[in-house]
Amino acid sequence: MIERIRRYLTSVRGEVQRVSWPSRREVITFTVLILLMVVVLGLYLFVVDEAISRLVTFLIDLF
């Protein structure tokens, strides 16, 4: 049992060494890009929600 665990951990270590890790600059760039996209999408959804809300309120007030 312990031998199987040792082989597994050795295998995991080998896989981690083969991973192509991003540079610090890439991580920062992609993080900023994702945050900007979240803000833009949030603003877009807010505008669409507000427009639909006002439209529904207008239609309800008509009847």
N, C-alpha and C. Protein backbone atom coordinates (compact mmCIF):
# COMPACT_ATOMS: atom_id res chain seq x y z
N MET A 1 0.82 -1.19 0.00
CA MET A 1 0.00 0.00 0.00
C MET A 1 0.87 1.26 0.00
N ILE A 2 1.89 1.29 0.86
CA ILE A 2 2.76 2.46 0.93
C ILE A 2 3.54 2.62 -0.37
N GLU A 3 3.91 1.50 -0.98
CA GLU A 3 4.63 1.56 -2.25
C GLU A 3 3.76 2.17 -3.35
N ARG A 4 2.48 1.84 -3.35
CA ARG A 4 1.56 2.41 -4.35
C ARG A 4 1.44 3.93 -4.15
N ILE A 5 1.37 4.36 -2.91
CA ILE A 5 1.28 5.79 -2.62
C ILE A 5 2.56 6.49 -3.07
N ARG A 6 3.70 5.87 -2.80
CA ARG A 6 4.99 6.44 -3.19
C ARG A 6 5.08 6.57 -4.72
N ARG A 7 4.65 5.53 -5.44
CA ARG A 7 4.66 5.59 -6.91
C ARG A 7 3.73 6.68 -7.43
N TYR A 8 2.55 6.78 -6.80
CA TYR A 8 1.59 7.80 -7.20
C TYR A 8 2.18 9.20 -7.02
N LEU A 9 2.76 9.47 -5.85
CA LEU A 9 3.34 10.78 -5.58
C LEU A 9 4.51 11.07 -6.51
N THR A 10 5.30 10.08 -6.83
CA THR A 10 6.41 10.25 -7.78
C THR A 10 5.86 10.60 -9.15
N SER A 11 4.80 9.94 -9.54
CA SER A 11 4.16 10.21 -10.82
C SER A 11 3.59 11.63 -10.86
N VAL A 12 2.96 12.04 -9.78
CA VAL A 12 2.40 13.40 -9.71
C VAL A 12 3.52 14.42 -9.82
N ARG A 13 4.61 14.19 -9.14
CA ARG A 13 5.75 15.12 -9.19
C ARG A 13 6.29 15.23 -10.61
N GLY A 14 6.39 14.11 -11.31
CA GLY A 14 6.86 14.12 -12.69
C GLY A 14 5.93 14.91 -13.61
N GLU A 15 4.62 14.74 -13.41
CA GLU A 15 3.65 15.48 -14.22
C GLU A 15 3.73 16.98 -13.95
N VAL A 16 3.88 17.37 -12.70
CA VAL A 16 3.95 18.79 -12.35
C VAL A 16 5.19 19.42 -12.97
N GLN A 17 6.28 18.69 -13.06
CA GLN A 17 7.50 19.23 -13.66
C GLN A 17 7.35 19.44 -15.16
N ARG A 18 6.45 18.70 -15.80
CA ARG A 18 6.26 18.85 -17.25
C ARG A 18 5.26 19.93 -17.61
N VAL A 19 4.57 20.48 -16.62
CA VAL A 19 3.58 21.51 -16.87
C VAL A 19 4.26 22.79 -17.35
N SER A 20 3.67 23.43 -18.35
CA SER A 20 4.19 24.70 -18.85
C SER A 20 3.52 25.83 -18.06
N TRP A 21 4.19 26.33 -17.05
CA TRP A 21 3.61 27.34 -16.18
C TRP A 21 3.70 28.71 -16.83
N PRO A 22 2.66 29.55 -16.69
CA PRO A 22 2.72 30.89 -17.26
C PRO A 22 3.69 31.79 -16.49
N SER A 23 4.20 32.79 -17.20
CA SER A 23 5.10 33.73 -16.52
C SER A 23 4.29 34.67 -15.63
N ARG A 24 4.97 35.36 -14.77
CA ARG A 24 4.30 36.31 -13.87
C ARG A 24 3.58 37.38 -14.69
N ARG A 25 4.22 37.84 -15.74
CA ARG A 25 3.62 38.88 -16.60
C ARG A 25 2.34 38.37 -17.26
N GLU A 26 2.36 37.12 -17.73
CA GLU A 26 1.16 36.54 -18.34
C GLU A 26 0.02 36.44 -17.33
N VAL A 27 0.33 36.01 -16.13
CA VAL A 27 -0.70 35.88 -15.09
C VAL A 27 -1.33 37.24 -14.79
N ILE A 28 -0.51 38.26 -14.64
CA ILE A 28 -1.02 39.60 -14.35
C ILE A 28 -1.85 40.11 -15.52
N THR A 29 -1.37 39.93 -16.74
CA THR A 29 -2.09 40.39 -17.93
C THR A 29 -3.45 39.73 -18.03
N PHE A 30 -3.50 38.42 -17.89
CA PHE A 30 -4.77 37.71 -18.01
C PHE A 30 -5.71 38.03 -16.85
N THR A 31 -5.17 38.26 -15.67
CA THR A 31 -6.00 38.62 -14.52
C THR A 31 -6.67 39.97 -14.76
N VAL A 32 -5.90 40.94 -15.23
CA VAL A 32 -6.45 42.27 -15.52
C VAL A 32 -7.49 42.16 -16.63
N LEU A 33 -7.20 41.39 -17.66
CA LEU A 33 -8.14 41.21 -18.77
C LEU A 33 -9.46 40.60 -18.29
N ILE A 34 -9.38 39.60 -17.45
CA ILE A 34 -10.58 38.95 -16.93
C ILE A 34 -11.38 39.91 -16.05
N LEU A 35 -10.70 40.67 -15.21
CA LEU A 35 -11.40 41.64 -14.36
C LEU A 35 -12.11 42.70 -15.21
N LEU A 36 -11.45 43.18 -16.26
CA LEU A 36 -12.08 44.15 -17.15
C LEU A 36 -13.31 43.55 -17.85
N MET A 37 -13.19 42.30 -18.29
CA MET A 37 -14.32 41.65 -18.95
C MET A 37 -15.48 41.46 -17.99
N VAL A 38 -15.20 41.15 -16.74
CA VAL A 38 -16.25 40.99 -15.73
C VAL A 38 -16.97 42.32 -15.52
N VAL A 39 -16.21 43.41 -15.43
CA VAL A 39 -16.82 44.73 -15.25
C VAL A 39 -17.67 45.10 -16.47
N VAL A 40 -17.14 44.90 -17.67
CA VAL A 40 -17.88 45.23 -18.89
C VAL A 40 -19.15 44.39 -18.98
N LEU A 41 -19.05 43.10 -18.73
CA LEU A 41 -20.23 42.24 -18.78
C LEU A 41 -21.24 42.63 -17.71
N GLY A 42 -20.76 42.97 -16.52
CA GLY A 42 -21.65 43.40 -15.45
C GLY A 42 -22.40 44.67 -15.83
N LEU A 43 -21.70 45.64 -16.41
CA LEU A 43 -22.35 46.87 -16.85
C LEU A 43 -23.37 46.60 -17.96
N TYR A 44 -22.99 45.73 -18.89
CA TYR A 44 -23.91 45.37 -19.98
C TYR A 44 -25.19 44.74 -19.42
N LEU A 45 -25.03 43.79 -18.52
CA LEU A 45 -26.20 43.13 -17.94
C LEU A 45 -27.05 44.11 -17.13
N PHE A 46 -26.40 45.05 -16.45
CA PHE A 46 -27.14 46.06 -15.70
C PHE A 46 -27.99 46.91 -16.64
N VAL A 47 -27.39 47.35 -17.76
CA VAL A 47 -28.11 48.19 -18.72
C VAL A 47 -29.27 47.42 -19.33
N VAL A 48 -29.05 46.18 -19.74
CA VAL A 48 -30.11 45.37 -20.33
C VAL A 48 -31.23 45.13 -19.31
N ASP A 49 -30.86 44.80 -18.09
CA ASP A 49 -31.86 44.57 -17.04
C ASP A 49 -32.68 45.82 -16.78
N GLU A 50 -32.00 46.95 -16.71
CA GLU A 50 -32.70 48.22 -16.46
C GLU A 50 -33.65 48.55 -17.61
N ALA A 51 -33.21 48.32 -18.85
CA ALA A 51 -34.06 48.60 -20.01
C ALA A 51 -35.29 47.69 -20.02
N ILE A 52 -35.09 46.42 -19.76
CA ILE A 52 -36.23 45.49 -19.75
C ILE A 52 -37.17 45.83 -18.60
N SER A 53 -36.62 46.20 -17.48
CA SER A 53 -37.43 46.56 -16.31
C SER A 53 -38.32 47.76 -16.63
N ARG A 54 -37.73 48.78 -17.23
CA ARG A 54 -38.50 49.97 -17.59
C ARG A 54 -39.54 49.66 -18.65
N LEU A 55 -39.19 48.81 -19.61
CA LEU A 55 -40.15 48.42 -20.64
C LEU A 55 -41.35 47.69 -20.04
N VAL A 56 -41.08 46.75 -19.15
CA VAL A 56 -42.16 46.00 -18.51
C VAL A 56 -43.02 46.93 -17.65
N THR A 57 -42.38 47.81 -16.91
CA THR A 57 -43.13 48.78 -16.10
C THR A 57 -44.00 49.67 -17.00
N PHE A 58 -43.46 50.12 -18.12
CA PHE A 58 -44.22 50.95 -19.05
C PHE A 58 -45.43 50.18 -19.60
N LEU A 59 -45.20 48.91 -19.98
CA LEU A 59 -46.30 48.11 -20.53
C LEU A 59 -47.37 47.83 -19.47
N ILE A 60 -46.95 47.60 -18.24
CA ILE A 60 -47.92 47.36 -17.18
C ILE A 60 -48.75 48.61 -16.90
N ASP A 61 -48.11 49.77 -16.94
CA ASP A 61 -48.83 51.02 -16.69
C ASP A 61 -49.81 51.34 -17.79
N LEU A 62 -49.62 50.82 -18.99
CA LEU A 62 -50.56 51.04 -20.08
C LEU A 62 -51.89 50.35 -19.83
N PHE A 63 -51.84 49.22 -19.16
CA PHE A 63 -53.07 48.45 -18.95
C PHE A 63 -53.55 48.60 -17.57
